[in-house]
Protein backbone atom coordinates (compact mmCIF):
# COMPACT_ATOMS: atom_id res chain seq x y z
CA UNK A 1 101.88 96.97 78.98
CA UNK A 2 105.04 99.10 79.45
CA UNK A 3 105.81 102.28 77.70
CA UNK A 4 108.11 102.50 74.75
CA UNK A 5 111.50 103.79 75.75
CA UNK A 6 114.38 104.81 73.53
CA UNK A 7 117.60 106.78 73.21
CA UNK A 8 120.00 107.93 70.52
CA UNK A 9 123.22 105.90 70.73
CA UNK A 10 126.73 107.01 69.79
CA UNK A 11 129.38 104.56 68.63
CA UNK A 12 130.19 102.25 71.57
CA UNK A 13 132.63 99.34 72.17
CA UNK A 14 130.79 97.11 74.72
CA UNK A 15 128.30 94.42 75.18
CA UNK A 16 124.68 95.28 75.78
CA UNK A 17 121.90 93.17 77.31
CA UNK A 18 118.22 94.07 77.34
CA UNK A 19 117.01 91.89 80.15
CA UNK A 20 113.86 89.83 80.12
CA UNK A 21 112.10 92.08 82.60
CA UNK A 22 112.49 95.19 80.36
CA UNK A 23 109.98 94.96 77.43
CA UNK A 24 109.01 97.65 75.03
CA UNK A 25 112.57 99.10 74.67
CA UNK A 26 113.48 100.83 71.47
CA UNK A 27 117.13 101.51 70.50
CA UNK A 28 117.56 103.93 67.63
CA UNK A 29 120.44 105.60 65.96
CA UNK A 30 120.24 108.36 63.37
CA UNK A 31 122.22 106.41 60.79
CA UNK A 32 123.44 102.87 60.95
CA UNK A 33 126.91 103.68 59.72
CA UNK A 34 127.50 106.23 62.53
CA UNK A 35 125.70 104.48 65.39
CA UNK A 36 127.91 101.36 65.99
CA UNK A 37 127.99 98.81 68.87
CA UNK A 38 130.97 96.64 68.55
CA UNK A 39 132.83 93.89 70.41
CA UNK A 40 135.40 91.15 69.55
CA UNK A 41 134.55 88.25 71.81
CA UNK A 42 134.28 84.66 70.65
CA UNK A 43 133.93 81.04 71.69
CA UNK A 44 130.30 80.54 72.58
CA UNK A 45 126.95 81.23 70.99
CA UNK A 46 125.64 82.55 74.33
CA UNK A 47 127.99 85.50 74.16
CA UNK A 48 126.96 88.27 71.88
CA UNK A 49 127.72 92.05 71.32
CA UNK A 50 123.99 92.73 71.83
CA UNK A 51 121.51 90.30 73.54
CA UNK A 52 117.79 90.97 73.35
CA UNK A 53 116.08 88.92 76.03
CA UNK A 54 113.00 91.00 76.43
CA UNK A 55 109.79 90.95 74.33
CA UNK A 56 108.53 93.79 72.12
CA UNK A 57 111.98 95.22 71.29
CA UNK A 58 112.58 97.49 68.37
CA UNK A 59 116.01 98.35 66.94
CA UNK A 60 116.59 100.79 64.09
CA UNK A 61 119.49 102.45 62.27
CA UNK A 62 122.15 100.54 64.31
CA UNK A 63 125.33 98.71 63.44
CA UNK A 64 125.80 95.65 65.68
CA UNK A 65 129.05 93.80 65.01
CA UNK A 66 131.37 91.24 66.42
CA UNK A 67 134.90 91.75 64.93
CA UNK A 68 136.38 88.51 66.25
CA UNK A 69 136.69 87.09 62.74
CA UNK A 70 137.45 83.48 61.73
CA UNK A 71 138.20 80.74 64.11
CA UNK A 72 135.41 80.67 66.64
CA UNK A 73 131.67 81.36 67.13
CA UNK A 74 131.33 85.04 67.60
CA UNK A 75 127.78 86.31 67.82
CA UNK A 76 126.98 89.92 67.00
CA UNK A 77 123.28 89.88 67.89
CA UNK A 78 121.29 87.35 69.94
CA UNK A 79 117.50 87.64 69.91
CA UNK A 80 115.70 85.53 72.37
CA UNK A 81 112.69 87.72 73.26
CA UNK A 82 109.40 87.39 71.38
CA UNK A 83 107.95 90.04 69.01
CA UNK A 84 111.24 91.83 68.15
CA UNK A 85 111.69 93.97 65.11
CA UNK A 86 114.78 95.44 63.41
CA UNK A 87 114.75 98.21 60.76
CA UNK A 88 117.60 99.40 58.62
CA UNK A 89 120.28 97.77 60.94
CA UNK A 90 123.66 96.38 59.93
CA UNK A 91 124.50 93.09 61.67
CA UNK A 92 128.06 92.11 60.98
CA UNK A 93 130.26 89.18 61.97
CA UNK A 94 131.88 86.04 60.59
CA UNK A 95 130.80 82.87 62.28
CA UNK A 96 127.28 82.74 63.83
CA UNK A 97 126.56 86.50 63.29
CA UNK A 98 122.90 86.50 64.05
CA UNK A 99 121.62 84.12 66.78
CA UNK A 100 117.88 84.23 65.95
CA UNK A 101 117.35 82.12 69.11
CA UNK A 102 113.64 82.05 69.77
CA UNK A 103 110.45 83.94 69.37
CA UNK A 104 108.83 85.80 66.53
CA UNK A 105 110.94 88.36 64.79
CA UNK A 106 110.90 90.78 61.85
CA UNK A 107 113.98 92.17 59.98
CA UNK A 108 113.29 94.93 57.40
CA UNK A 109 115.89 96.53 55.10
CA UNK A 110 118.71 95.16 57.18
CA UNK A 111 122.25 94.25 56.13
CA UNK A 112 123.46 90.92 57.50
CA UNK A 113 127.03 89.78 56.87
CA UNK A 114 128.98 86.63 57.76
CA UNK A 115 130.52 83.36 56.53
CA UNK A 116 129.51 80.32 58.45
CA UNK A 117 125.92 79.62 59.64
CA UNK A 118 125.54 83.35 60.03
CA UNK A 119 121.83 83.34 60.55
CA UNK A 120 120.98 80.57 62.97
CA UNK A 121 118.65 79.53 65.73
CA UNK A 122 115.02 78.41 66.22
CA UNK A 123 113.08 81.57 65.80
CA UNK A 124 110.07 82.16 63.57
CA UNK A 125 111.33 85.05 61.58
CA UNK A 126 110.77 87.03 58.40
CA UNK A 127 113.59 88.81 56.57
CA UNK A 128 112.17 91.38 54.23
CA UNK A 129 114.12 93.45 51.74
CA UNK A 130 117.23 92.50 53.51
CA UNK A 131 120.76 92.21 51.95
CA UNK A 132 122.45 89.03 52.95
CA UNK A 133 126.17 89.19 52.31
CA UNK A 134 128.56 86.24 52.47
CA UNK A 135 132.26 86.68 53.10
CA UNK A 136 133.09 82.97 52.94
CA UNK A 137 135.84 82.01 50.46
CA UNK A 138 134.33 78.53 50.21
CA UNK A 139 132.14 76.16 52.19
CA UNK A 140 130.01 78.87 53.76
CA UNK A 141 126.41 78.63 54.79
CA UNK A 142 123.85 81.44 55.20
CA UNK A 143 121.38 79.65 57.51
CA UNK A 144 121.35 76.99 60.15
CA UNK A 145 117.72 76.83 61.38
CA UNK A 146 117.14 74.44 64.30
CA UNK A 147 113.50 73.28 64.14
CA UNK A 148 113.60 69.91 65.81
CA UNK A 149 109.93 68.58 65.43
CA UNK A 150 107.30 68.66 62.71
CA UNK A 151 104.94 70.37 65.32
CA UNK A 152 107.25 73.17 66.06
CA UNK A 153 106.14 76.49 64.50
CA UNK A 154 109.57 77.92 63.74
CA UNK A 155 111.47 78.75 60.55
CA UNK A 156 112.89 81.55 58.37
CA UNK A 157 111.35 83.30 55.41
CA UNK A 158 113.38 85.59 53.14
CA UNK A 159 111.15 87.89 51.01
CA UNK A 160 112.43 90.21 48.29
CA UNK A 161 116.04 89.97 49.63
CA UNK A 162 119.36 90.18 47.91
CA UNK A 163 122.21 87.70 48.35
CA UNK A 164 125.62 89.00 47.48
CA UNK A 165 129.27 88.24 48.43
CA UNK A 166 132.33 86.52 47.34
CA UNK A 167 133.58 82.98 47.04
CA UNK A 168 130.85 80.36 47.55
CA UNK A 169 128.15 79.73 50.01
CA UNK A 170 125.00 77.51 50.46
CA UNK A 171 121.66 78.74 51.39
CA UNK A 172 121.45 76.59 54.44
CA UNK A 173 121.95 73.40 56.41
CA UNK A 174 119.80 71.80 59.04
CA UNK A 175 120.97 72.42 62.64
CA UNK A 176 117.72 70.59 63.60
CA UNK A 177 116.28 67.68 61.56
CA UNK A 178 113.05 69.61 60.61
CA UNK A 179 114.91 72.78 59.69
CA UNK A 180 112.62 75.12 57.65
CA UNK A 181 113.76 77.91 55.41
CA UNK A 182 112.09 79.58 52.32
CA UNK A 183 113.55 82.13 49.94
CA UNK A 184 110.95 83.97 47.86
CA UNK A 185 111.30 86.79 45.24
CA UNK A 186 114.99 87.01 46.22
CA UNK A 187 117.95 87.94 43.96
CA UNK A 188 120.79 85.32 44.28
CA UNK A 189 124.20 86.21 42.93
CA UNK A 190 126.80 83.63 41.77
CA UNK A 191 127.98 83.40 45.37
CA UNK A 192 125.19 80.90 45.92
CA UNK A 193 126.60 77.41 45.15
CA UNK A 194 124.52 75.37 42.61
CA UNK A 195 123.43 72.69 45.09
CA UNK A 196 122.00 75.38 47.29
CA UNK A 197 121.69 73.28 50.46
CA UNK A 198 123.36 70.31 52.27
CA UNK A 199 122.26 67.88 54.89
CA UNK A 200 125.05 68.58 57.37
CA UNK A 201 126.47 65.02 56.86
CA UNK A 202 123.30 63.25 57.82
CA UNK A 203 121.12 61.80 54.93
CA UNK A 204 118.20 61.45 57.21
CA UNK A 205 117.86 65.22 57.30
CA UNK A 206 116.94 65.01 53.58
CA UNK A 207 113.55 63.41 54.58
CA UNK A 208 112.65 66.00 57.15
CA UNK A 209 114.11 69.40 56.38
CA UNK A 210 111.83 71.88 54.49
CA UNK A 211 113.92 73.97 52.14
CA UNK A 212 112.13 75.88 49.42
CA UNK A 213 112.45 78.55 46.75
CA UNK A 214 109.76 80.61 45.05
CA UNK A 215 110.24 82.94 42.20
CA UNK A 216 113.83 83.78 42.98
CA UNK A 217 116.08 85.20 40.31
CA UNK A 218 119.68 85.97 39.51
CA UNK A 219 122.57 83.71 38.35
CA UNK A 220 122.66 81.83 41.67
CA UNK A 221 118.89 81.00 41.63
CA UNK A 222 118.83 78.21 39.07
CA UNK A 223 117.12 75.12 40.31
CA UNK A 224 118.72 72.77 37.76
CA UNK A 225 121.50 71.63 40.10
CA UNK A 226 119.84 72.11 43.47
CA UNK A 227 119.90 69.36 46.05
CA UNK A 228 117.20 66.91 44.85
CA UNK A 229 115.41 67.04 48.19
CA UNK A 230 115.00 70.90 48.17
CA UNK A 231 111.66 72.14 46.87
CA UNK A 232 110.63 74.36 44.02
CA UNK A 233 107.51 75.78 45.69
CA UNK A 234 104.14 76.32 44.17
CA UNK A 235 102.20 79.40 45.04
CA UNK A 236 100.04 77.44 47.50
CA UNK A 237 103.06 75.99 49.22
CA UNK A 238 104.87 79.38 49.37
CA UNK A 239 101.82 81.39 50.43
CA UNK A 240 102.18 80.85 54.21
CA UNK A 241 105.74 82.34 54.09
CA UNK A 242 105.01 85.45 52.01
CA UNK A 243 103.07 87.71 54.53
CA UNK A 244 103.31 88.98 58.07
CA UNK A 245 100.68 86.54 59.07
CA UNK A 246 103.50 83.97 59.32
CA UNK A 247 104.73 85.69 62.46
CA UNK A 248 101.31 87.12 63.57
CA UNK A 249 102.79 90.55 62.70
CA UNK A 250 99.35 92.03 62.28
CA UNK A 251 99.02 91.82 66.02
CA UNK A 252 102.29 93.23 67.17
CA UNK A 253 104.26 95.07 64.43
CA UNK A 254 103.73 98.78 65.24
CA UNK A 255 104.62 102.18 63.71
CA UNK A 256 108.08 103.33 64.65
CA UNK A 257 108.25 105.98 67.33
CA UNK A 258 109.30 109.45 66.21
CA UNK A 259 109.95 111.03 69.58
CA UNK A 260 112.48 109.62 72.09
CA UNK A 261 113.10 110.28 75.73
CA UNK A 262 116.68 110.60 76.86
CA UNK A 263 117.52 108.39 79.81
């Protein structure tokens, strides 16, 4: 194992890559609203303001943003490495904000903003006590999870989160046919459209996608007009998505470092 490294970052306008051969890196700011990493590039999901390719990465108190705006894919954060955790970060963009590409990830008390498929990819990830903010005027989607096989252990769980915004958005649509997303104990404002989900124009996805809701609340949480193929989960069905065991977090989530070495 490597040693944890870290440094306090000022506001920067550039792209940052943590390469695959640099595990156990920590990037930390003092406050997210004053530690800002920003860019404005668009056009491909492989381009991002910050790309985490290494395992065992920790980010805290950072703003990571792509300011390209409407009109093209414009990723703020790409997370490809396994066992990555983000604490009190602000992740801001418009289309494809957070590319949760692959691996096991944990997002705690983060603010994530976008309009179109702004949390997407094929990771196995927990979002806990996060604020999910849609800026779509209409036709937006929060998630586009890409699970492609019933044997793939990937999917997203949102626990004790808060969904806010303006206009209208759905909770998700299937980038892969076995897309899997669960919202539990989450406040949903009126920004969430009554149907909640769509099948991305392919009715076959209705038979394979796993979209569930458990003990959510707020004006956008009503199940009465949800897509018929979405699930109102029982506790037994929801339980695998409600703890850190979902991502094997008991094995790798670690206390945050309090002392940092300057480079």
